[in-house]
């Protein structure tokens, strides 16, 4: 189990598969995901980052809201825009989180249906507890992600700053969505359930995330030690 300050995160899902082997070797597309250690480091960096005053002294904390964003993204696999756009009460043009029922309505109220799937889902109990605490403490009064009492419309610039500080320059907000999907699959969650929860088609999962499924290549690995040996029928098992 992995912990960061203020009980911000505890992740006990799977970690990233080596891309060099399961990616290029197996011919799937290079979708970046982060490990548990990288995720913890990214959250820690966002939680502790502070501005520098002109004299070089430490200023106020500048990105604790990003730590909360990262946590929501990893737990739910939700797109960055839907997280930043989520209010805490039903609002025209915004999705919202029902803290009482523990439901995340990703699709904006009154919005048209598009190709981007935005299903309403229940929040994991641990994440819901975090959100209720943020609201109770006034950290998130009206929106899921707020900074100094105002909703955060986008996290792109702050994310770039923090990822560079963390030494993860190849990571983007969308990487967190890939990571969530990958972690759930490696934890043994059924493809159909991951599809429904994260809002991604089963076709996309099978095309881009198959290498994360437990046991996908077991028969291949079992055959590997027999390369070049003669099979039962008297022919070579592998060349």
Protein backbone atom coordinates (compact mmCIF):
# COMPACT_ATOMS: atom_id res chain seq x y z
CA UNK A 1 0.00 0.00 0.00
CA UNK A 2 1.27 3.44 -0.90
CA UNK A 3 0.59 6.61 1.09
CA UNK A 4 1.15 10.34 0.57
CA UNK A 5 0.54 13.35 2.86
CA UNK A 6 -2.92 14.07 4.31
CA UNK A 7 -4.11 10.59 3.30
CA UNK A 8 -4.31 11.89 -0.25
CA UNK A 9 -3.90 8.54 -1.91
CA UNK A 10 -3.66 4.83 -1.35
CA UNK A 11 -3.20 2.81 -4.47
CA UNK A 12 -3.21 -0.96 -4.49
CA UNK A 13 -3.83 -1.69 -8.13
CA UNK A 14 -1.36 -3.02 -10.65
CA UNK A 15 1.70 -1.24 -11.97
CA UNK A 16 2.82 -0.41 -15.47
CA UNK A 17 3.95 -3.24 -17.75
CA UNK A 18 7.35 -2.82 -19.43
CA UNK A 19 6.62 -1.19 -22.76
CA UNK A 20 9.82 -2.48 -24.31
CA UNK A 21 8.54 -6.05 -24.03
CA UNK A 22 4.74 -6.06 -23.87
CA UNK A 23 4.42 -3.03 -26.12
CA UNK A 24 6.73 -3.00 -29.09
CA UNK A 25 7.33 -6.76 -29.07
CA UNK A 26 3.63 -7.51 -29.15
CA UNK A 27 2.82 -4.81 -31.71
CA UNK A 28 0.44 -2.63 -29.68
CA UNK A 29 0.39 1.18 -29.74
CA UNK A 30 2.63 3.07 -27.27
CA UNK A 31 0.19 4.30 -24.62
CA UNK A 32 2.07 5.78 -21.67
CA UNK A 33 0.91 4.96 -18.18
CA UNK A 34 2.58 5.61 -14.85
CA UNK A 35 3.63 3.24 -12.09
CA UNK A 36 2.36 3.47 -8.52
CA UNK A 37 5.71 4.98 -7.55
CA UNK A 38 5.52 7.60 -10.32
CA UNK A 39 1.93 8.44 -9.37
CA UNK A 40 2.88 8.88 -5.72
CA UNK A 41 5.85 11.05 -6.66
CA UNK A 42 3.68 13.21 -8.92
CA UNK A 43 1.09 13.71 -6.17
CA UNK A 44 3.79 14.42 -3.59
CA UNK A 45 5.42 17.00 -5.88
CA UNK A 46 2.08 18.73 -6.53
CA UNK A 47 1.23 18.70 -2.82
CA UNK A 48 4.56 20.17 -1.69
CA UNK A 49 5.40 22.61 -4.52
CA UNK A 50 5.69 26.24 -3.43
CA UNK A 51 6.27 29.51 -5.20
CA UNK A 52 9.54 31.34 -4.74
CA UNK A 53 9.57 34.93 -3.54
CA UNK A 54 11.91 37.47 -5.12
CA UNK A 55 14.41 37.08 -2.32
CA UNK A 56 14.48 33.33 -2.84
CA UNK A 57 12.42 32.49 0.21
CA UNK A 58 9.59 30.02 -0.02
CA UNK A 59 6.18 31.42 -0.85
CA UNK A 60 2.70 29.88 -0.66
CA UNK A 61 1.82 26.40 -1.85
CA UNK A 62 0.79 26.58 -5.48
CA UNK A 63 -0.59 23.24 -6.66
CA UNK A 64 -2.40 21.31 -3.95
CA UNK A 65 -5.48 21.46 -6.18
CA UNK A 66 -3.50 19.51 -8.81
CA UNK A 67 -2.80 16.75 -6.29
CA UNK A 68 -6.55 16.39 -5.84
CA UNK A 69 -7.08 16.42 -9.61
CA UNK A 70 -4.53 13.62 -10.06
CA UNK A 71 -6.24 11.55 -7.40
CA UNK A 72 -9.67 11.87 -9.05
CA UNK A 73 -8.21 11.07 -12.48
CA UNK A 74 -6.44 7.93 -11.29
CA UNK A 75 -9.41 6.57 -9.38
CA UNK A 76 -12.03 7.22 -12.08
CA UNK A 77 -10.22 7.36 -15.43
CA UNK A 78 -12.17 10.52 -16.22
CA UNK A 79 -11.02 13.01 -18.86
CA UNK A 80 -9.38 16.17 -17.56
CA UNK A 81 -12.12 18.46 -18.86
CA UNK A 82 -14.86 16.51 -17.12
CA UNK A 83 -12.99 16.59 -13.80
CA UNK A 84 -12.34 20.32 -13.95
CA UNK A 85 -15.89 20.96 -15.10
CA UNK A 86 -17.50 18.98 -12.29
CA UNK A 87 -19.58 21.00 -9.81
CA UNK A 88 -20.93 19.76 -6.48
CA UNK A 89 -24.54 20.56 -7.35
CA UNK A 90 -26.44 20.15 -10.64
CA UNK A 91 -25.46 23.10 -12.85
CA UNK A 92 -26.33 23.88 -16.47
CA UNK A 93 -23.35 23.20 -18.71
CA UNK A 94 -21.42 21.23 -16.09
CA UNK A 95 -21.20 17.69 -14.82
CA UNK A 96 -21.45 17.24 -11.08
CA UNK A 97 -20.65 14.99 -8.15
CA UNK A 98 -23.45 14.03 -5.80
CA UNK A 99 -21.60 13.74 -2.51
CA UNK A 100 -24.63 12.37 -0.69
CA UNK A 101 -25.24 9.48 -3.09
CA UNK A 102 -21.60 9.11 -4.12
CA UNK A 103 -22.28 9.44 -7.85
CA UNK A 104 -20.20 11.22 -10.50
CA UNK A 105 -22.38 12.62 -13.30
CA UNK A 106 -19.68 13.24 -15.91
CA UNK A 107 -21.92 14.51 -18.69
CA UNK A 108 -22.71 18.21 -18.42
CA UNK A 109 -26.30 19.01 -17.58
CA UNK A 110 -28.11 19.90 -20.82
CA UNK A 111 -25.23 18.80 -23.05
CA UNK A 112 -25.76 16.82 -26.23
CA UNK A 113 -24.55 13.24 -26.48
CA UNK A 114 -21.24 12.93 -28.34
CA UNK A 115 -18.82 10.15 -29.28
CA UNK A 116 -16.98 10.74 -26.02
CA UNK A 117 -18.64 8.43 -23.54
CA UNK A 118 -19.38 10.10 -20.20
CA UNK A 119 -21.29 7.58 -18.10
CA UNK A 120 -22.56 8.34 -14.62
CA UNK A 121 -20.70 6.14 -12.15
CA UNK A 122 -20.46 5.48 -8.44
CA UNK A 123 -17.30 6.81 -6.81
CA UNK A 124 -14.90 4.42 -5.06
CA UNK A 125 -15.52 4.65 -1.28
CA UNK A 126 -12.00 5.90 -0.55
CA UNK A 127 -12.20 8.68 -3.14
CA UNK A 128 -15.70 9.63 -1.98
CA UNK A 129 -14.37 9.96 1.57
CA UNK A 130 -11.66 12.32 0.30
CA UNK A 131 -14.19 14.44 -1.60
CA UNK A 132 -16.54 14.71 1.36
CA UNK A 133 -13.64 15.79 3.55
CA UNK A 134 -12.54 18.42 1.00
CA UNK A 135 -16.06 19.81 0.99
CA UNK A 136 -16.38 19.68 4.77
CA UNK A 137 -13.13 21.59 5.20
CA UNK A 138 -14.06 24.22 2.61
CA UNK A 139 -11.38 23.11 0.15
CA UNK A 140 -14.00 22.31 -2.47
CA UNK A 141 -17.12 24.34 -1.81
CA UNK A 142 -18.81 24.49 -5.20
CA UNK A 143 -16.57 22.49 -7.56
CA UNK A 144 -14.61 19.28 -7.26
CA UNK A 145 -11.35 21.07 -8.12
CA UNK A 146 -10.94 24.59 -6.74
CA UNK A 147 -8.06 26.96 -6.15
CA UNK A 148 -8.49 29.75 -3.60
CA UNK A 149 -12.25 29.32 -3.67
CA UNK A 150 -12.59 29.47 -7.46
CA UNK A 151 -13.21 26.59 -9.88
CA UNK A 152 -10.19 25.43 -11.86
CA UNK A 153 -11.13 25.43 -15.54
CA UNK A 154 -8.01 23.63 -16.76
CA UNK A 155 -4.82 22.25 -15.26
CA UNK A 156 -2.56 22.12 -18.31
CA UNK A 157 0.04 24.74 -17.33
CA UNK A 158 0.24 23.74 -13.68
CA UNK A 159 0.47 20.08 -14.66
CA UNK A 160 3.38 20.81 -17.01
CA UNK A 161 5.21 22.64 -14.24
CA UNK A 162 4.72 19.86 -11.71
CA UNK A 163 5.52 17.00 -14.08
CA UNK A 164 8.81 18.69 -14.98
CA UNK A 165 9.63 19.17 -11.30
CA UNK A 166 8.86 15.48 -10.80
CA UNK A 167 11.05 14.45 -13.74
CA UNK A 168 8.10 13.03 -15.69
CA UNK A 169 8.18 15.24 -18.77
CA UNK A 170 6.45 12.62 -20.94
CA UNK A 171 3.33 12.55 -18.75
CA UNK A 172 0.18 14.57 -19.48
CA UNK A 173 -3.23 14.82 -17.81
CA UNK A 174 -4.55 12.29 -20.34
CA UNK A 175 -1.84 9.85 -19.25
CA UNK A 176 -3.74 9.52 -15.98
CA UNK A 177 -6.79 8.24 -17.86
CA UNK A 178 -4.64 5.64 -19.63
CA UNK A 179 -3.14 4.70 -16.29
CA UNK A 180 -6.49 4.23 -14.60
CA UNK A 181 -7.74 1.96 -17.40
CA UNK A 182 -4.49 -0.03 -17.33
CA UNK A 183 -4.47 -0.43 -13.55
CA UNK A 184 -8.06 -1.64 -13.40
CA UNK A 185 -7.40 -4.18 -16.15
CA UNK A 186 -4.27 -5.48 -14.46
CA UNK A 187 -6.21 -5.78 -11.22
CA UNK A 188 -8.42 -8.32 -12.97
CA UNK A 189 -11.50 -6.14 -13.56
CA UNK A 190 -13.53 -7.40 -16.53
CA UNK A 191 -13.15 -5.52 -19.81
CA UNK A 192 -16.88 -4.77 -19.89
CA UNK A 193 -16.75 -3.25 -16.40
CA UNK A 194 -13.71 -1.10 -17.20
CA UNK A 195 -15.44 -0.02 -20.41
CA UNK A 196 -18.57 1.02 -18.53
CA UNK A 197 -16.74 2.70 -15.65
CA UNK A 198 -14.05 4.63 -17.53
CA UNK A 199 -16.18 5.45 -20.55
CA UNK A 200 -14.05 3.70 -23.17
CA UNK A 201 -15.23 1.19 -25.74
CA UNK A 202 -14.35 -2.48 -25.45
CA UNK A 203 -12.92 -2.26 -28.96
CA UNK A 204 -10.41 0.38 -27.86
CA UNK A 205 -9.50 -1.64 -24.78
CA UNK A 206 -8.85 -4.78 -26.82
CA UNK A 207 -6.89 -2.84 -29.41
CA UNK A 208 -4.68 -0.72 -27.13
CA UNK A 209 -4.76 -2.26 -23.64
CA UNK A 210 -4.79 -6.00 -24.29
CA UNK A 211 -1.22 -6.37 -23.00
CA UNK A 212 -2.43 -5.24 -19.56
CA UNK A 213 -4.88 -8.13 -19.20
CA UNK A 214 -3.66 -10.80 -16.76
CA UNK A 215 -2.79 -14.05 -18.51
CA UNK A 216 -3.00 -12.60 -22.04
CA UNK A 217 0.28 -14.16 -23.13
CA UNK A 218 0.52 -17.13 -20.77
CA UNK A 219 0.39 -19.68 -23.60
CA UNK A 220 3.07 -17.76 -25.48
CA UNK A 221 5.33 -17.68 -22.43
CA UNK A 222 4.73 -21.37 -21.75
CA UNK A 223 5.80 -22.17 -25.31
CA UNK A 224 8.92 -19.98 -25.23
CA UNK A 225 11.18 -22.56 -23.48
CA UNK A 226 10.35 -25.03 -26.30
CA UNK A 227 11.62 -22.83 -29.12
CA UNK A 228 13.42 -24.95 -31.69
CA UNK A 229 12.46 -28.25 -30.08
CA UNK A 230 10.63 -31.05 -31.88
CA UNK A 231 6.92 -31.23 -31.14
CA UNK A 232 4.83 -34.33 -30.54
CA UNK A 233 4.04 -34.71 -34.21
CA UNK A 234 7.72 -34.84 -35.05
CA UNK A 235 7.91 -31.31 -36.42
CA UNK A 236 9.71 -28.41 -34.90
CA UNK A 237 7.61 -26.53 -32.35
CA UNK A 238 9.12 -23.15 -33.20
CA UNK A 239 11.77 -21.81 -35.56
